[in-house]
Amino acid sequence: MSVPSIDLHDGTTIPQLGLGVFTIPDEQVTEVVSTALEIGYRHIDTAQMYGNEAGVGRAIAASGIVRADLYVTTKLNNDNHRPEDVRRSLEQSLELLGLDRVDLFLIHWPLPTQYDGDYVSTWRAMVEVAEEGLTSSVGVSNFQPAHLDRIVAETGVVPVINQVEAHPFFANAGVREANARHGVVTEAWAPIAKGKVDDDDTIGEVASIVGRTPTQVALRWHVQHGHVVFPKSVNPDRLRNNFEIFDFELSAEMMSAIDQLDRGEAGRLGPNPDEFDWIP
């Protein structure tokens, strides 16, 4: 099955479906990524914070897949926001991954209450490593509209991606609207609400009509909204099921019914980026 690619404003493209490896231990992630690559995944999303870049790198090296056919994302850890730390930390990630560049490098969290609130200097340093060729593209993660507006206004450089929590119960409409206004692609983490979509009656009813699982329906909802998604699983059968979402469509009525599940801020499962301030 072929995974569509989405055009980014810097002239690159990103596969719309990938594999997320959050919380998968380094000693386990090699096998998981290897299985995903065998199934057909070509987009892997990791982070310095996850502590498993080396394991991802081992899977990539063993796969024999041509580098140009892989899309690899990693993210700047919260303790590396000082501009002088950005390049060093990315070089360390590249060494662990066994790569000479990543396809996408993201600021993992804006941390507006840390570093004197200066995530703009961090963003400038991110742009510099892209200019040096250590990453093909740069973006952000968990940026609220005000954070996004500020870095664009103060640097003139627009991120290609904003990776944020988004799922049927927390559509994160304000962020998605800000992304669209700037031409930034929305990438959804927790796309199946940490499995909660499996217990929802509306999604379950749609799933029974189209003959798919609730998870597949939720992922398809993201795809039809134009999001990039990277569900996480260590189970080979679920990895296959998550991959099989491009051979069916949800009707406009089905999309609308799922849209109406949005609970606004009450549906958020992760930290609020305006408040999150954890530095390891």
Protein backbone atom coordinates (compact mmCIF):
# COMPACT_ATOMS: atom_id res chain seq x y z
CA MET A 1 0.00 0.00 0.00
CA SER A 2 1.32 3.41 -0.97
CA VAL A 3 1.42 6.17 1.66
CA PRO A 4 0.64 9.65 0.28
CA SER A 5 3.13 12.45 0.82
CA ILE A 6 2.27 15.99 1.89
CA ASP A 7 4.07 18.97 0.39
CA LEU A 8 5.86 21.25 2.87
CA HIS A 9 6.41 24.93 2.14
CA ASP A 10 10.21 24.52 1.94
CA GLY A 11 9.89 22.32 -1.15
CA THR A 12 10.26 18.98 0.64
CA THR A 13 7.59 16.33 1.24
CA ILE A 14 6.67 14.19 4.24
CA PRO A 15 4.89 10.79 4.25
CA GLN A 16 1.46 11.30 5.78
CA LEU A 17 1.75 8.17 7.94
CA GLY A 18 4.68 7.22 10.12
CA LEU A 19 5.65 5.26 13.21
CA GLY A 20 5.97 6.98 16.57
CA VAL A 21 8.38 5.43 19.08
CA PHE A 22 7.59 7.41 22.25
CA THR A 23 8.19 5.31 25.43
CA ILE A 24 9.57 2.33 23.50
CA PRO A 25 12.85 1.36 25.26
CA ASP A 26 16.02 1.45 23.20
CA GLU A 27 16.54 -2.31 23.58
CA GLN A 28 13.06 -2.96 22.13
CA VAL A 29 12.74 -0.23 19.54
CA THR A 30 15.09 -1.84 17.01
CA GLU A 31 12.79 -4.81 16.56
CA VAL A 32 9.68 -2.62 16.41
CA VAL A 33 11.14 -0.27 13.79
CA SER A 34 12.48 -3.21 11.79
CA THR A 35 9.01 -4.78 11.71
CA ALA A 36 7.46 -1.47 10.68
CA LEU A 37 9.96 -1.04 7.85
CA GLU A 38 9.20 -4.57 6.65
CA ILE A 39 5.49 -3.73 6.59
CA GLY A 40 6.18 -0.66 4.47
CA TYR A 41 6.57 2.27 6.87
CA ARG A 42 9.15 4.77 5.66
CA HIS A 43 8.62 7.56 8.21
CA ILE A 44 10.01 7.22 11.75
CA ASP A 45 9.42 9.83 14.47
CA THR A 46 11.77 9.80 17.46
CA ALA A 47 13.24 12.41 19.83
CA GLN A 48 16.24 13.06 22.01
CA MET A 49 13.88 12.86 24.99
CA TYR A 50 12.85 9.30 24.11
CA GLY A 51 16.33 7.86 24.67
CA ASN A 52 15.97 5.42 21.78
CA GLU A 53 17.68 7.12 18.83
CA ALA A 54 20.46 4.49 18.85
CA GLY A 55 17.94 1.67 18.57
CA VAL A 56 16.16 3.42 15.73
CA GLY A 57 19.53 3.84 14.02
CA ARG A 58 20.29 0.13 14.34
CA ALA A 59 17.03 -0.74 12.62
CA ILE A 60 17.67 1.72 9.82
CA ALA A 61 21.19 0.37 9.26
CA ALA A 62 19.99 -3.23 9.19
CA SER A 63 17.09 -2.53 6.84
CA GLY A 64 19.15 -1.96 3.72
CA ILE A 65 16.62 0.65 2.62
CA VAL A 66 18.06 3.48 0.55
CA ARG A 67 18.39 6.61 2.68
CA ALA A 68 16.44 8.71 0.19
CA ASP A 69 13.44 6.44 0.77
CA LEU A 70 13.35 7.07 4.53
CA TYR A 71 11.99 10.05 6.45
CA VAL A 72 13.45 10.47 9.94
CA THR A 73 12.35 13.03 12.52
CA THR A 74 13.98 13.82 15.84
CA LYS A 75 13.36 16.59 18.36
CA LEU A 76 15.41 18.95 20.47
CA ASN A 77 15.44 17.99 24.14
CA ASN A 78 14.24 20.51 26.72
CA ASP A 79 17.73 20.89 28.22
CA ASN A 80 19.24 21.88 24.86
CA HIS A 81 17.38 25.13 24.19
CA ARG A 82 20.34 27.43 24.59
CA PRO A 83 21.42 28.41 21.06
CA GLU A 84 24.96 27.12 21.61
CA ASP A 85 23.57 23.67 22.51
CA VAL A 86 21.36 23.13 19.48
CA ARG A 87 24.02 22.13 16.94
CA ARG A 88 25.91 19.94 19.42
CA SER A 89 22.77 18.09 20.42
CA LEU A 90 21.74 17.47 16.81
CA GLU A 91 25.20 16.18 15.97
CA GLN A 92 24.89 13.77 18.90
CA SER A 93 21.50 12.62 17.60
CA LEU A 94 22.98 12.05 14.15
CA GLU A 95 25.75 9.94 15.65
CA LEU A 96 23.23 7.81 17.55
CA LEU A 97 21.02 7.44 14.48
CA GLY A 98 23.97 6.68 12.23
CA LEU A 99 22.93 9.39 9.79
CA ASP A 100 24.57 12.47 8.30
CA ARG A 101 21.29 14.39 8.42
CA VAL A 102 17.71 14.02 9.57
CA ASP A 103 14.76 14.97 7.42
CA LEU A 104 13.03 16.98 10.14
CA PHE A 105 14.27 18.52 13.38
CA LEU A 106 11.71 19.96 15.80
CA ILE A 107 11.80 22.04 18.97
CA HIS A 108 10.05 19.54 21.23
CA TRP A 109 8.37 22.05 23.60
CA PRO A 110 8.33 25.86 23.61
CA LEU A 111 8.95 26.10 27.41
CA PRO A 112 7.67 29.69 27.62
CA THR A 113 8.35 29.87 31.37
CA GLN A 114 11.97 28.69 31.02
CA TYR A 115 15.09 30.24 29.47
CA ASP A 116 13.62 33.69 30.15
CA GLY A 117 10.87 32.83 27.69
CA ASP A 118 13.34 33.04 24.81
CA TYR A 119 12.37 30.26 22.44
CA VAL A 120 13.00 32.66 19.54
CA SER A 121 16.79 32.35 19.89
CA THR A 122 16.35 28.58 19.96
CA TRP A 123 14.38 28.78 16.74
CA ARG A 124 17.10 30.89 15.09
CA ALA A 125 19.66 28.21 16.02
CA MET A 126 17.38 25.56 14.51
CA VAL A 127 17.27 27.49 11.26
CA GLU A 128 21.07 27.70 11.27
CA VAL A 129 21.53 23.90 11.51
CA ALA A 130 19.16 23.52 8.57
CA GLU A 131 21.25 25.99 6.58
CA GLU A 132 24.30 23.88 7.42
CA GLY A 133 22.61 20.76 6.02
CA LEU A 134 22.32 18.80 9.28
CA THR A 135 18.56 18.60 8.74
CA SER A 136 16.51 19.03 5.60
CA SER A 137 13.65 20.81 7.38
CA VAL A 138 12.95 22.43 10.73
CA GLY A 139 9.73 22.73 12.64
CA VAL A 140 8.21 22.94 16.07
CA SER A 141 6.18 20.79 18.39
CA ASN A 142 3.53 21.77 20.95
CA PHE A 143 3.60 25.44 19.89
CA GLN A 144 0.49 27.43 20.72
CA PRO A 145 -0.75 30.11 18.28
CA ALA A 146 1.02 32.89 20.21
CA HIS A 147 4.30 30.94 20.18
CA LEU A 148 4.00 30.33 16.45
CA ASP A 149 3.09 33.92 15.69
CA ARG A 150 6.04 35.20 17.71
CA ILE A 151 8.79 33.17 16.06
CA VAL A 152 7.47 33.99 12.60
CA ALA A 153 7.18 37.70 13.41
CA GLU A 154 10.65 37.93 14.98
CA THR A 155 12.61 35.75 12.52
CA GLY A 156 10.60 35.72 9.31
CA VAL A 157 11.10 31.94 9.11
CA VAL A 158 8.00 29.74 9.20
CA PRO A 159 8.24 26.16 10.55
CA VAL A 160 7.19 23.48 8.09
CA ILE A 161 5.47 21.40 10.79
CA ASN A 162 3.83 21.96 14.16
CA GLN A 163 3.49 18.61 15.91
CA VAL A 164 0.73 18.87 18.51
CA GLU A 165 -1.74 16.78 20.44
CA ALA A 166 -4.80 16.25 18.26
CA HIS A 167 -7.48 13.58 18.19
CA PRO A 168 -11.28 13.36 17.90
CA PHE A 169 -11.78 14.39 21.55
CA PHE A 170 -9.30 17.29 21.39
CA ALA A 171 -9.28 18.75 17.90
CA ASN A 172 -6.95 21.58 19.01
CA ALA A 173 -8.82 23.88 16.64
CA GLY A 174 -7.03 27.09 17.57
CA VAL A 175 -3.61 25.64 16.86
CA ARG A 176 -4.74 24.01 13.64
CA GLU A 177 -6.18 27.34 12.46
CA ALA A 178 -2.93 29.13 13.31
CA ASN A 179 -0.96 26.47 11.46
CA ALA A 180 -3.15 26.87 8.39
CA ARG A 181 -2.81 30.64 8.53
CA HIS A 182 0.99 30.35 8.36
CA GLY A 183 1.07 27.46 5.88
CA VAL A 184 2.33 25.05 8.55
CA VAL A 185 1.31 21.39 8.34
CA THR A 186 -0.34 19.91 11.44
CA GLU A 187 1.24 16.70 12.68
CA ALA A 188 -0.85 14.91 15.31
CA TRP A 189 0.55 13.13 18.32
CA ALA A 190 -1.76 10.90 20.40
CA PRO A 191 -3.86 10.59 17.22
CA ILE A 192 -6.01 7.82 18.69
CA ALA A 193 -6.28 9.49 22.12
CA LYS A 194 -4.09 6.83 23.73
CA GLY A 195 -6.54 4.14 22.65
CA LYS A 196 -9.67 5.89 23.91
CA VAL A 197 -11.16 5.94 20.40
CA ASP A 198 -11.75 2.19 20.76
CA ASP A 199 -14.41 2.81 23.41
CA ASP A 200 -16.33 5.60 21.70
CA ASP A 201 -19.81 4.70 20.44
CA THR A 202 -19.80 7.16 17.52
CA ILE A 203 -16.46 5.99 16.20
CA GLY A 204 -17.50 2.39 16.81
CA GLU A 205 -20.67 2.89 14.76
CA VAL A 206 -18.69 4.40 11.88
CA ALA A 207 -16.21 1.53 12.12
CA SER A 208 -19.00 -1.05 11.81
CA ILE A 209 -20.40 0.71 8.74
CA VAL A 210 -17.08 0.87 6.88
CA GLY A 211 -15.86 -2.51 8.12
CA ARG A 212 -12.76 -1.18 9.87
CA THR A 213 -11.49 -0.89 13.43
CA PRO A 214 -12.14 2.26 15.50
CA THR A 215 -8.41 3.00 15.40
CA GLN A 216 -8.37 2.83 11.61
CA VAL A 217 -11.39 5.14 11.47
CA ALA A 218 -9.73 7.69 13.77
CA LEU A 219 -6.52 7.62 11.73
CA ARG A 220 -8.52 7.99 8.53
CA TRP A 221 -10.29 11.02 10.08
CA HIS A 222 -6.86 12.62 10.58
CA VAL A 223 -5.78 11.81 7.03
CA GLN A 224 -8.90 13.39 5.54
CA HIS A 225 -8.26 16.51 7.62
CA GLY A 226 -4.78 16.71 6.07
CA HIS A 227 -2.84 15.84 9.21
CA VAL A 228 0.36 13.83 9.33
CA VAL A 229 -0.06 10.95 11.80
CA PHE A 230 2.37 8.54 13.43
CA PRO A 231 0.56 6.11 15.74
CA LYS A 232 2.71 4.08 18.12
CA SER A 233 2.48 0.34 18.61
CA VAL A 234 4.85 -2.50 19.41
CA ASN A 235 2.36 -5.13 18.21
CA PRO A 236 3.00 -6.32 14.63
CA ASP A 237 -0.69 -6.86 13.90
CA ARG A 238 -1.56 -3.35 15.06
CA LEU A 239 1.34 -1.94 13.05
CA ARG A 240 -0.18 -3.57 9.96
CA ASN A 241 -3.70 -2.37 10.78
CA ASN A 242 -2.49 1.19 11.36
CA PHE A 243 -0.81 1.10 7.97
CA GLU A 244 -4.00 0.04 6.15
CA ILE A 245 -5.93 3.32 6.13
CA PHE A 246 -5.54 4.50 2.56
CA ASP A 247 -7.94 2.15 0.79
CA PHE A 248 -11.20 3.49 2.23
CA GLU A 249 -12.85 6.86 2.86
CA LEU A 250 -15.16 8.37 5.42
CA SER A 251 -18.21 10.20 4.13
CA ALA A 252 -18.80 13.85 4.91
CA GLU A 253 -21.48 12.80 7.40
CA MET A 254 -19.06 10.44 9.15
CA MET A 255 -16.38 13.13 9.32
CA SER A 256 -18.90 15.59 10.77
CA ALA A 257 -20.06 13.09 13.40
CA ILE A 258 -16.48 12.53 14.55
CA ASP A 259 -15.77 16.28 14.48
CA GLN A 260 -18.58 16.74 16.99
CA LEU A 261 -16.76 14.58 19.56
CA ASP A 262 -14.37 17.47 20.25
CA ARG A 263 -14.46 18.43 23.95
CA GLY A 264 -12.16 21.40 23.66
CA GLU A 265 -9.63 21.84 26.45
CA ALA A 266 -11.44 19.21 28.53
CA GLY A 267 -10.37 16.61 25.99
CA ARG A 268 -6.64 17.33 26.30
CA LEU A 269 -4.68 14.32 27.55
CA GLY A 270 -1.14 15.74 27.66
CA PRO A 271 0.43 18.81 29.27
CA ASN A 272 -0.68 22.31 28.34
CA PRO A 273 2.23 23.84 26.38
CA ASP A 274 1.65 27.23 28.01
CA GLU A 275 2.49 25.66 31.38
CA PHE A 276 4.77 22.70 30.67
CA ASP A 277 8.23 23.52 32.01
CA TRP A 278 10.01 20.20 32.62
CA ILE A 279 13.77 20.18 32.00
CA PRO A 280 15.62 16.91 32.67
